[in-house]
Amino acid sequence: MTIRADDRLTDGAPMRPLCCLRCGAAVEVRKASWQQTSVQWSAQSLGVCLERRDALSVNGDGRAVFQGCTALRESIVRAALEGAVPVPED
């Protein structure tokens, strides 16, 4: 059996390190387009994110739904607009 190489991220948009401008959580991010963003969280960044911490404390049992961090989303948009996170052209 041959293992097929995973080439899903070979479209020219590499993962880039980025820190949230609000809490400093360090993540890896890439944009395949202006509409599509991929974020890779580490255990440390999950522990630092203020919005995630707030979401988990609401439920109290650690099972709250965390849809994403608005501050990180804004940080990603700003980085993309400034060119720090490249956005491939269509």
PDB file of N, CA and C in Angstrom:
ATOM      1  N   MET A   1       0.840  -1.174   0.000  1.00  0.00           N
ATOM      2  CA  MET A   1       0.000   0.000   0.000  1.00  0.00           C
ATOM      3  C   MET A   1       0.890   1.243   0.000  1.00  0.00           C
ATOM      4  N   THR A   2       0.571   2.180  -0.853  1.00  0.00           N
ATOM      5  CA  THR A   2       1.316   3.428  -0.956  1.00  0.00           C
ATOM      6  C   THR A   2       0.576   4.525  -0.199  1.00  0.00           C
ATOM      7  N   ILE A   3       1.320   5.292   0.563  1.00  0.00           N
ATOM      8  CA  ILE A   3       0.725   6.412   1.285  1.00  0.00           C
ATOM      9  C   ILE A   3       0.731   7.624   0.371  1.00  0.00           C
ATOM     10  N   ARG A   4      -0.443   8.190   0.175  1.00  0.00           N
ATOM     11  CA  ARG A   4      -0.580   9.362  -0.680  1.00  0.00           C
ATOM     12  C   ARG A   4      -0.142  10.608   0.084  1.00  0.00           C
ATOM     13  N   ALA A   5       0.665  11.407  -0.538  1.00  0.00           N
ATOM     14  CA  ALA A   5       1.127  12.654   0.085  1.00  0.00           C
ATOM     15  C   ALA A   5      -0.045  13.606   0.276  1.00  0.00           C
ATOM     16  N   ASP A   6      -0.044  14.302   1.383  1.00  0.00           N
ATOM     17  CA  ASP A   6      -1.079  15.295   1.666  1.00  0.00           C
ATOM     18  C   ASP A   6      -0.661  16.611   1.017  1.00  0.00           C
ATOM     19  N   ASP A   7      -1.345  16.983  -0.063  1.00  0.00           N
ATOM     20  CA  ASP A   7      -0.983  18.200  -0.789  1.00  0.00           C
ATOM     21  C   ASP A   7      -2.044  19.287  -0.682  1.00  0.00           C
ATOM     22  N   ARG A   8      -2.879  19.196   0.353  1.00  0.00           N
ATOM     23  CA  ARG A   8      -3.954  20.179   0.485  1.00  0.00           C
ATOM     24  C   ARG A   8      -3.445  21.592   0.730  1.00  0.00           C
ATOM     25  N   LEU A   9      -2.271  21.740   1.282  1.00  0.00           N
ATOM     26  CA  LEU A   9      -1.763  23.076   1.596  1.00  0.00           C
ATOM     27  C   LEU A   9      -0.643  23.506   0.658  1.00  0.00           C
ATOM     28  N   THR A  10      -0.665  23.015  -0.567  1.00  0.00           N
ATOM     29  CA  THR A  10       0.398  23.355  -1.514  1.00  0.00           C
ATOM     30  C   THR A  10      -0.060  24.356  -2.569  1.00  0.00           C
ATOM     31  N   ASP A  11      -1.029  25.160  -2.234  1.00  0.00           N
ATOM     32  CA  ASP A  11      -1.546  26.134  -3.195  1.00  0.00           C
ATOM     33  C   ASP A  11      -0.817  27.474  -3.121  1.00  0.00           C
ATOM     34  N   GLY A  12       0.341  27.497  -2.485  1.00  0.00           N
ATOM     35  CA  GLY A  12       1.115  28.729  -2.440  1.00  0.00           C
ATOM     36  C   GLY A  12       0.879  29.587  -1.219  1.00  0.00           C
ATOM     37  N   ALA A  13       0.032  29.154  -0.311  1.00  0.00           N
ATOM     38  CA  ALA A  13      -0.244  29.929   0.893  1.00  0.00           C
ATOM     39  C   ALA A  13       0.230  29.139   2.111  1.00  0.00           C
ATOM     40  N   PRO A  14       1.482  29.349   2.536  1.00  0.00           N
ATOM     41  CA  PRO A  14       2.007  28.588   3.671  1.00  0.00           C
ATOM     42  C   PRO A  14       1.428  29.073   5.004  1.00  0.00           C
ATOM     43  N   MET A  15       1.493  28.220   6.010  1.00  0.00           N
ATOM     44  CA  MET A  15       1.114  28.624   7.359  1.00  0.00           C
ATOM     45  C   MET A  15       2.139  29.650   7.837  1.00  0.00           C
ATOM     46  N   ARG A  16       1.654  30.688   8.491  1.00  0.00           N
ATOM     47  CA  ARG A  16       2.517  31.758   9.007  1.00  0.00           C
ATOM     48  C   ARG A  16       2.241  31.944  10.494  1.00  0.00           C
ATOM     49  N   PRO A  17       3.274  32.219  11.276  1.00  0.00           N
ATOM     50  CA  PRO A  17       3.033  32.513  12.693  1.00  0.00           C
ATOM     51  C   PRO A  17       2.364  33.879  12.834  1.00  0.00           C
ATOM     52  N   LEU A  18       1.436  33.959  13.778  1.00  0.00           N
ATOM     53  CA  LEU A  18       0.720  35.211  14.018  1.00  0.00           C
ATOM     54  C   LEU A  18       0.309  35.249  15.481  1.00  0.00           C
ATOM     55  N   CYS A  19       0.408  36.416  16.091  1.00  0.00           N
ATOM     56  CA  CYS A  19      -0.035  36.593  17.473  1.00  0.00           C
ATOM     57  C   CYS A  19      -1.272  37.472  17.499  1.00  0.00           C
ATOM     58  N   CYS A  20      -2.216  37.089  18.334  1.00  0.00           N
ATOM     59  CA  CYS A  20      -3.424  37.888  18.522  1.00  0.00           C
ATOM     60  C   CYS A  20      -3.029  39.236  19.111  1.00  0.00           C
ATOM     61  N   LEU A  21      -3.556  40.302  18.557  1.00  0.00           N
ATOM     62  CA  LEU A  21      -3.224  41.642  19.028  1.00  0.00           C
ATOM     63  C   LEU A  21      -3.844  41.945  20.387  1.00  0.00           C
ATOM     64  N   ARG A  22      -4.832  41.158  20.809  1.00  0.00           N
ATOM     65  CA  ARG A  22      -5.478  41.394  22.108  1.00  0.00           C
ATOM     66  C   ARG A  22      -4.793  40.640  23.243  1.00  0.00           C
ATOM     67  N   CYS A  23      -4.613  39.318  23.080  1.00  0.00           N
ATOM     68  CA  CYS A  23      -4.102  38.509  24.195  1.00  0.00           C
ATOM     69  C   CYS A  23      -2.716  37.933  23.941  1.00  0.00           C
ATOM     70  N   GLY A  24      -2.224  38.026  22.707  1.00  0.00           N
ATOM     71  CA  GLY A  24      -0.901  37.516  22.389  1.00  0.00           C
ATOM     72  C   GLY A  24      -0.837  36.035  22.079  1.00  0.00           C
ATOM     73  N   ALA A  25      -1.977  35.356  21.990  1.00  0.00           N
ATOM     74  CA  ALA A  25      -1.984  33.929  21.651  1.00  0.00           C
ATOM     75  C   ALA A  25      -1.278  33.735  20.313  1.00  0.00           C
ATOM     76  N   ALA A  26      -0.300  32.837  20.288  1.00  0.00           N
ATOM     77  CA  ALA A  26       0.483  32.581  19.076  1.00  0.00           C
ATOM     78  C   ALA A  26      -0.102  31.390  18.333  1.00  0.00           C
ATOM     79  N   VAL A  27      -0.501  31.609  17.078  1.00  0.00           N
ATOM     80  CA  VAL A  27      -1.092  30.564  16.244  1.00  0.00           C
ATOM     81  C   VAL A  27      -0.357  30.510  14.907  1.00  0.00           C
ATOM     82  N   GLU A  28      -0.679  29.513  14.120  1.00  0.00           N
ATOM     83  CA  GLU A  28      -0.235  29.427  12.727  1.00  0.00           C
ATOM     84  C   GLU A  28      -1.473  29.702  11.881  1.00  0.00           C
ATOM     85  N   VAL A  29      -1.335  30.525  10.850  1.00  0.00           N
ATOM     86  CA  VAL A  29      -2.490  30.911  10.043  1.00  0.00           C
ATOM     87  C   VAL A  29      -2.119  30.937   8.567  1.00  0.00           C
ATOM     88  N   ARG A  30      -3.108  30.658   7.729  1.00  0.00           N
ATOM     89  CA  ARG A  30      -2.938  30.798   6.284  1.00  0.00           C
ATOM     90  C   ARG A  30      -4.270  31.231   5.699  1.00  0.00           C
ATOM     91  N   LYS A  31      -4.195  31.944   4.602  1.00  0.00           N
ATOM     92  CA  LYS A  31      -5.402  32.333   3.879  1.00  0.00           C
ATOM     93  C   LYS A  31      -5.301  31.775   2.466  1.00  0.00           C
ATOM     94  N   ALA A  32      -6.289  30.970   2.088  1.00  0.00           N
ATOM     95  CA  ALA A  32      -6.359  30.454   0.726  1.00  0.00           C
ATOM     96  C   ALA A  32      -7.094  31.448  -0.171  1.00  0.00           C
ATOM     97  N   SER A  33      -7.863  32.339   0.457  1.00  0.00           N
ATOM     98  CA  SER A  33      -8.576  33.413  -0.240  1.00  0.00           C
ATOM     99  C   SER A  33      -9.024  34.395   0.839  1.00  0.00           C
ATOM    100  N   TRP A  34      -9.661  35.482   0.441  1.00  0.00           N
ATOM    101  CA  TRP A  34     -10.174  36.425   1.438  1.00  0.00           C
ATOM    102  C   TRP A  34     -11.303  35.802   2.244  1.00  0.00           C
ATOM    103  N   GLN A  35     -11.978  34.809   1.674  1.00  0.00           N
ATOM    104  CA  GLN A  35     -13.104  34.177   2.359  1.00  0.00           C
ATOM    105  C   GLN A  35     -12.699  32.965   3.194  1.00  0.00           C
ATOM    106  N   GLN A  36     -11.525  32.389   2.967  1.00  0.00           N
ATOM    107  CA  GLN A  36     -11.132  31.144   3.632  1.00  0.00           C
ATOM    108  C   GLN A  36      -9.850  31.339   4.422  1.00  0.00           C
ATOM    109  N   THR A  37      -9.915  30.976   5.710  1.00  0.00           N
ATOM    110  CA  THR A  37      -8.771  31.087   6.611  1.00  0.00           C
ATOM    111  C   THR A  37      -8.615  29.788   7.377  1.00  0.00           C
ATOM    112  N   SER A  38      -7.387  29.318   7.519  1.00  0.00           N
ATOM    113  CA  SER A  38      -7.085  28.149   8.346  1.00  0.00           C
ATOM    114  C   SER A  38      -6.240  28.610   9.520  1.00  0.00           C
ATOM    115  N   VAL A  39      -6.590  28.129  10.716  1.00  0.00           N
ATOM    116  CA  VAL A  39      -5.862  28.489  11.928  1.00  0.00           C
ATOM    117  C   VAL A  39      -5.470  27.212  12.653  1.00  0.00           C
ATOM    118  N   GLN A  40      -4.205  27.122  13.032  1.00  0.00           N
ATOM    119  CA  GLN A  40      -3.713  25.990  13.826  1.00  0.00           C
ATOM    120  C   GLN A  40      -3.385  26.509  15.223  1.00  0.00           C
ATOM    121  N   TRP A  41      -4.165  26.045  16.204  1.00  0.00           N
ATOM    122  CA  TRP A  41      -3.954  26.440  17.591  1.00  0.00           C
ATOM    123  C   TRP A  41      -3.015  25.449  18.264  1.00  0.00           C
ATOM    124  N   SER A  42      -2.199  25.923  19.185  1.00  0.00           N
ATOM    125  CA  SER A  42      -1.395  25.047  20.042  1.00  0.00           C
ATOM    126  C   SER A  42      -2.092  24.974  21.403  1.00  0.00           C
ATOM    127  N   ALA A  43      -1.676  24.038  22.231  1.00  0.00           N
ATOM    128  CA  ALA A  43      -2.247  23.938  23.574  1.00  0.00           C
ATOM    129  C   ALA A  43      -2.005  25.237  24.345  1.00  0.00           C
ATOM    130  N   GLN A  44      -0.826  25.814  24.170  1.00  0.00           N
ATOM    131  CA  GLN A  44      -0.506  27.059  24.872  1.00  0.00           C
ATOM    132  C   GLN A  44      -1.397  28.205  24.397  1.00  0.00           C
ATOM    133  N   SER A  45      -1.586  28.332  23.085  1.00  0.00           N
ATOM    134  CA  SER A  45      -2.410  29.434  22.576  1.00  0.00           C
ATOM    135  C   SER A  45      -3.865  29.274  23.004  1.00  0.00           C
ATOM    136  N   LEU A  46      -4.360  28.040  23.073  1.00  0.00           N
ATOM    137  CA  LEU A  46      -5.724  27.811  23.555  1.00  0.00           C
ATOM    138  C   LEU A  46      -5.870  28.254  25.004  1.00  0.00           C
ATOM    139  N   GLY A  47      -4.825  28.064  25.796  1.00  0.00           N
ATOM    140  CA  GLY A  47      -4.872  28.467  27.193  1.00  0.00           C
ATOM    141  C   GLY A  47      -4.773  29.965  27.401  1.00  0.00           C
ATOM    142  N   VAL A  48      -4.187  30.669  26.442  1.00  0.00           N
ATOM    143  CA  VAL A  48      -3.984  32.117  26.552  1.00  0.00           C
ATOM    144  C   VAL A  48      -5.196  32.906  26.053  1.00  0.00           C
ATOM    145  N   CYS A  49      -5.932  32.371  25.097  1.00  0.00           N
ATOM    146  CA  CYS A  49      -7.027  33.106  24.449  1.00  0.00           C
ATOM    147  C   CYS A  49      -8.115  33.495  25.453  1.00  0.00           C
ATOM    148  N   LEU A  50      -8.337  34.789  25.602  1.00  0.00           N
ATOM    149  CA  LEU A  50      -9.315  35.295  26.559  1.00  0.00           C
ATOM    150  C   LEU A  50     -10.746  34.932  26.173  1.00  0.00           C
ATOM    151  N   GLU A  51     -11.070  35.005  24.894  1.00  0.00           N
ATOM    152  CA  GLU A  51     -12.431  34.683  24.462  1.00  0.00           C
ATOM    153  C   GLU A  51     -12.742  33.206  24.661  1.00  0.00           C
ATOM    154  N   ARG A  52     -11.766  32.343  24.430  1.00  0.00           N
ATOM    155  CA  ARG A  52     -11.974  30.911  24.658  1.00  0.00           C
ATOM    156  C   ARG A  52     -12.163  30.641  26.146  1.00  0.00           C
ATOM    157  N   ARG A  53     -11.349  31.270  26.958  1.00  0.00           N
ATOM    158  CA  ARG A  53     -11.473  31.106  28.410  1.00  0.00           C
ATOM    159  C   ARG A  53     -12.857  31.544  28.880  1.00  0.00           C
ATOM    160  N   ASP A  54     -13.346  32.673  28.367  1.00  0.00           N
ATOM    161  CA  ASP A  54     -14.679  33.150  28.734  1.00  0.00           C
ATOM    162  C   ASP A  54     -15.761  32.172  28.296  1.00  0.00           C
ATOM    163  N   ALA A  55     -15.636  31.615  27.095  1.00  0.00           N
ATOM    164  CA  ALA A  55     -16.634  30.670  26.585  1.00  0.00           C
ATOM    165  C   ALA A  55     -16.692  29.420  27.455  1.00  0.00           C
ATOM    166  N   LEU A  56     -15.546  28.934  27.892  1.00  0.00           N
ATOM    167  CA  LEU A  56     -15.516  27.731  28.716  1.00  0.00           C
ATOM    168  C   LEU A  56     -16.027  27.988  30.122  1.00  0.00           C
ATOM    169  N   SER A  57     -15.824  29.194  30.636  1.00  0.00           N
ATOM    170  CA  SER A  57     -16.276  29.491  31.995  1.00  0.00           C
ATOM    171  C   SER A  57     -17.783  29.697  32.067  1.00  0.00           C
ATOM    172  N   VAL A  58     -18.427  30.046  30.966  1.00  0.00           N
ATOM    173  CA  VAL A  58     -19.875  30.244  30.948  1.00  0.00           C
ATOM    174  C   VAL A  58     -20.586  28.948  31.307  1.00  0.00           C
ATOM    175  N   ASN A  59     -20.146  27.845  30.720  1.00  0.00           N
ATOM    176  CA  ASN A  59     -20.775  26.559  30.972  1.00  0.00           C
ATOM    177  C   ASN A  59     -20.277  25.952  32.275  1.00  0.00           C
ATOM    178  N   GLY A  60     -19.026  26.161  32.593  1.00  0.00           N
ATOM    179  CA  GLY A  60     -18.481  25.669  33.835  1.00  0.00           C
ATOM    180  C   GLY A  60     -17.950  24.254  33.794  1.00  0.00           C
ATOM    181  N   ASP A  61     -18.356  23.464  32.810  1.00  0.00           N
ATOM    182  CA  ASP A  61     -17.883  22.078  32.757  1.00  0.00           C
ATOM    183  C   ASP A  61     -16.907  21.843  31.607  1.00  0.00           C
ATOM    184  N   GLY A  62     -16.460  22.913  30.942  1.00  0.00           N
ATOM    185  CA  GLY A  62     -15.480  22.784  29.867  1.00  0.00           C
ATOM    186  C   GLY A  62     -16.046  22.286  28.556  1.00  0.00           C
ATOM    187  N   ARG A  63     -17.371  22.230  28.422  1.00  0.00           N
ATOM    188  CA  ARG A  63     -17.969  21.732  27.182  1.00  0.00           C
ATOM    189  C   ARG A  63     -18.659  22.825  26.380  1.00  0.00           C
ATOM    190  N   ALA A  64     -18.383  24.062  26.671  1.00  0.00           N
ATOM    191  CA  ALA A  64     -18.998  25.161  25.929  1.00  0.00           C
ATOM    192  C   ALA A  64     -18.499  25.158  24.490  1.00  0.00           C
ATOM    193  N   VAL A  65     -19.305  25.672  23.606  1.00  0.00           N
ATOM    194  CA  VAL A  65     -18.929  25.750  22.197  1.00  0.00           C
ATOM    195  C   VAL A  65     -18.094  27.010  21.982  1.00  0.00           C
ATOM    196  N   PHE A  66     -16.936  26.817  21.387  1.00  0.00           N
ATOM    197  CA  PHE A  66     -16.045  27.940  21.073  1.00  0.00           C
ATOM    198  C   PHE A  66     -15.997  28.067  19.559  1.00  0.00           C
ATOM    199  N   GLN A  67     -16.704  29.043  19.014  1.00  0.00           N
ATOM    200  CA  GLN A  67     -16.801  29.226  17.569  1.00  0.00           C
ATOM    201  C   GLN A  67     -15.570  29.890  16.975  1.00  0.00           C
ATOM    202  N   GLY A  68     -14.816  30.558  17.778  1.00  0.00           N
ATOM    203  CA  GLY A  68     -13.644  31.271  17.289  1.00  0.00           C
ATOM    204  C   GLY A  68     -13.486  32.577  18.033  1.00  0.00           C
ATOM    205  N   CYS A  69     -12.358  33.177  17.878  1.00  0.00           N
ATOM    206  CA  CYS A  69     -12.022  34.399  18.599  1.00  0.00           C
ATOM    207  C   CYS A  69     -12.148  35.604  17.664  1.00  0.00           C
ATOM    208  N   THR A  70     -12.994  36.543  18.044  1.00  0.00           N
ATOM    209  CA  THR A  70     -13.172  37.725  17.198  1.00  0.00           C
ATOM    210  C   THR A  70     -11.905  38.582  17.172  1.00  0.00           C
ATOM    211  N   ALA A  71     -11.196  38.646  18.296  1.00  0.00           N
ATOM    212  CA  ALA A  71      -9.956  39.432  18.330  1.00  0.00           C
ATOM    213  C   ALA A  71      -8.900  38.817  17.416  1.00  0.00           C
ATOM    214  N   LEU A  72      -8.805  37.483  17.402  1.00  0.00           N
ATOM    215  CA  LEU A  72      -7.852  36.831  16.503  1.00  0.00           C
ATOM    216  C   LEU A  72      -8.276  37.034  15.052  1.00  0.00           C
ATOM    217  N   ARG A  73      -9.565  36.937  14.791  1.00  0.00           N
ATOM    218  CA  ARG A  73     -10.064  37.159  13.430  1.00  0.00           C
ATOM    219  C   ARG A  73      -9.668  38.553  12.946  1.00  0.00           C
ATOM    220  N   GLU A  74      -9.834  39.554  13.804  1.00  0.00           N
ATOM    221  CA  GLU A  74      -9.447  40.922  13.446  1.00  0.00           C
ATOM    222  C   GLU A  74      -7.935  41.031  13.241  1.00  0.00           C
ATOM    223  N   SER A  75      -7.166  40.315  14.053  1.00  0.00           N
ATOM    224  CA  SER A  75      -5.704  40.318  13.905  1.00  0.00           C
ATOM    225  C   SER A  75      -5.289  39.714  12.570  1.00  0.00           C
ATOM    226  N   ILE A  76      -5.987  38.657  12.150  1.00  0.00           N
ATOM    227  CA  ILE A  76      -5.684  38.002  10.875  1.00  0.00           C
ATOM    228  C   ILE A  76      -6.013  38.927   9.709  1.00  0.00           C
ATOM    229  N   VAL A  77      -7.163  39.571   9.764  1.00  0.00           N
ATOM    230  CA  VAL A  77      -7.544  40.501   8.693  1.00  0.00           C
ATOM    231  C   VAL A  77      -6.523  41.629   8.590  1.00  0.00           C
ATOM    232  N   ARG A  78      -6.136  42.171   9.721  1.00  0.00           N
ATOM    233  CA  ARG A  78      -5.151  43.262   9.712  1.00  0.00           C
ATOM    234  C   ARG A  78      -3.825  42.794   9.111  1.00  0.00           C
ATOM    235  N   ALA A  79      -3.384  41.590   9.519  1.00  0.00           N
ATOM    236  CA  ALA A  79      -2.128  41.049   8.989  1.00  0.00           C
ATOM    237  C   ALA A  79      -2.225  40.815   7.483  1.00  0.00           C
ATOM    238  N   ALA A  80      -3.380  40.364   7.017  1.00  0.00           N
ATOM    239  CA  ALA A  80      -3.568  40.140   5.580  1.00  0.00           C
ATOM    240  C   ALA A  80      -3.546  41.468   4.821  1.00  0.00           C
ATOM    241  N   LEU A  81      -4.219  42.465   5.353  1.00  0.00           N
ATOM    242  CA  LEU A  81      -4.238  43.777   4.702  1.00  0.00           C
ATOM    243  C   LEU A  81      -2.849  44.409   4.659  1.00  0.00           C
ATOM    244  N   GLU A  82      -2.040  44.145   5.684  1.00  0.00           N
ATOM    245  CA  GLU A  82      -0.685  44.700   5.746  1.00  0.00           C
ATOM    246  C   GLU A  82       0.333  43.848   4.989  1.00  0.00           C
ATOM    247  N   GLY A  83      -0.092  42.672   4.497  1.00  0.00           N
ATOM    248  CA  GLY A  83       0.797  41.814   3.725  1.00  0.00           C
ATOM    249  C   GLY A  83       1.592  40.802   4.534  1.00  0.00           C
ATOM    250  N   ALA A  84       1.399  40.763   5.851  1.00  0.00           N
ATOM    251  CA  ALA A  84       2.131  39.805   6.689  1.00  0.00           C
ATOM    252  C   ALA A  84       1.627  38.380   6.495  1.00  0.00           C
ATOM    253  N   VAL A  85       0.361  38.245   6.151  1.00  0.00           N
ATOM    254  CA  VAL A  85      -0.232  36.947   5.804  1.00  0.00           C
ATOM    255  C   VAL A  85      -0.683  37.064   4.353  1.00  0.00           C
ATOM    256  N   PRO A  86       0.000  36.378   3.444  1.00  0.00           N
ATOM    257  CA  PRO A  86      -0.352  36.512   2.026  1.00  0.00           C
ATOM    258  C   PRO A  86      -1.712  35.904   1.706  1.00  0.00           C
ATOM    259  N   VAL A  87      -2.408  36.534   0.777  1.00  0.00           N
ATOM    260  CA  VAL A  87      -3.685  36.032   0.278  1.00  0.00           C
ATOM    261  C   VAL A  87      -3.510  35.795  -1.219  1.00  0.00           C
ATOM    262  N   PRO A  88      -3.568  34.527  -1.656  1.00  0.00           N
ATOM    263  CA  PRO A  88      -3.399  34.255  -3.093  1.00  0.00           C
ATOM    264  C   PRO A  88      -4.462  34.973  -3.918  1.00  0.00           C
ATOM    265  N   GLU A  89      -4.052  35.423  -5.080  1.00  0.00           N
ATOM    266  CA  GLU A  89      -5.005  36.067  -5.989  1.00  0.00           C
ATOM    267  C   GLU A  89      -5.792  34.999  -6.718  1.00  0.00           C
ATOM    268  N   ASP A  90      -7.051  35.286  -6.973  1.00  0.00           N
ATOM    269  CA  ASP A  90      -7.909  34.320  -7.685  1.00  0.00           C
ATOM    270  C   ASP A  90      -7.511  34.183  -9.123  1.00  0.00           C
TER     271      ASP A  90
END
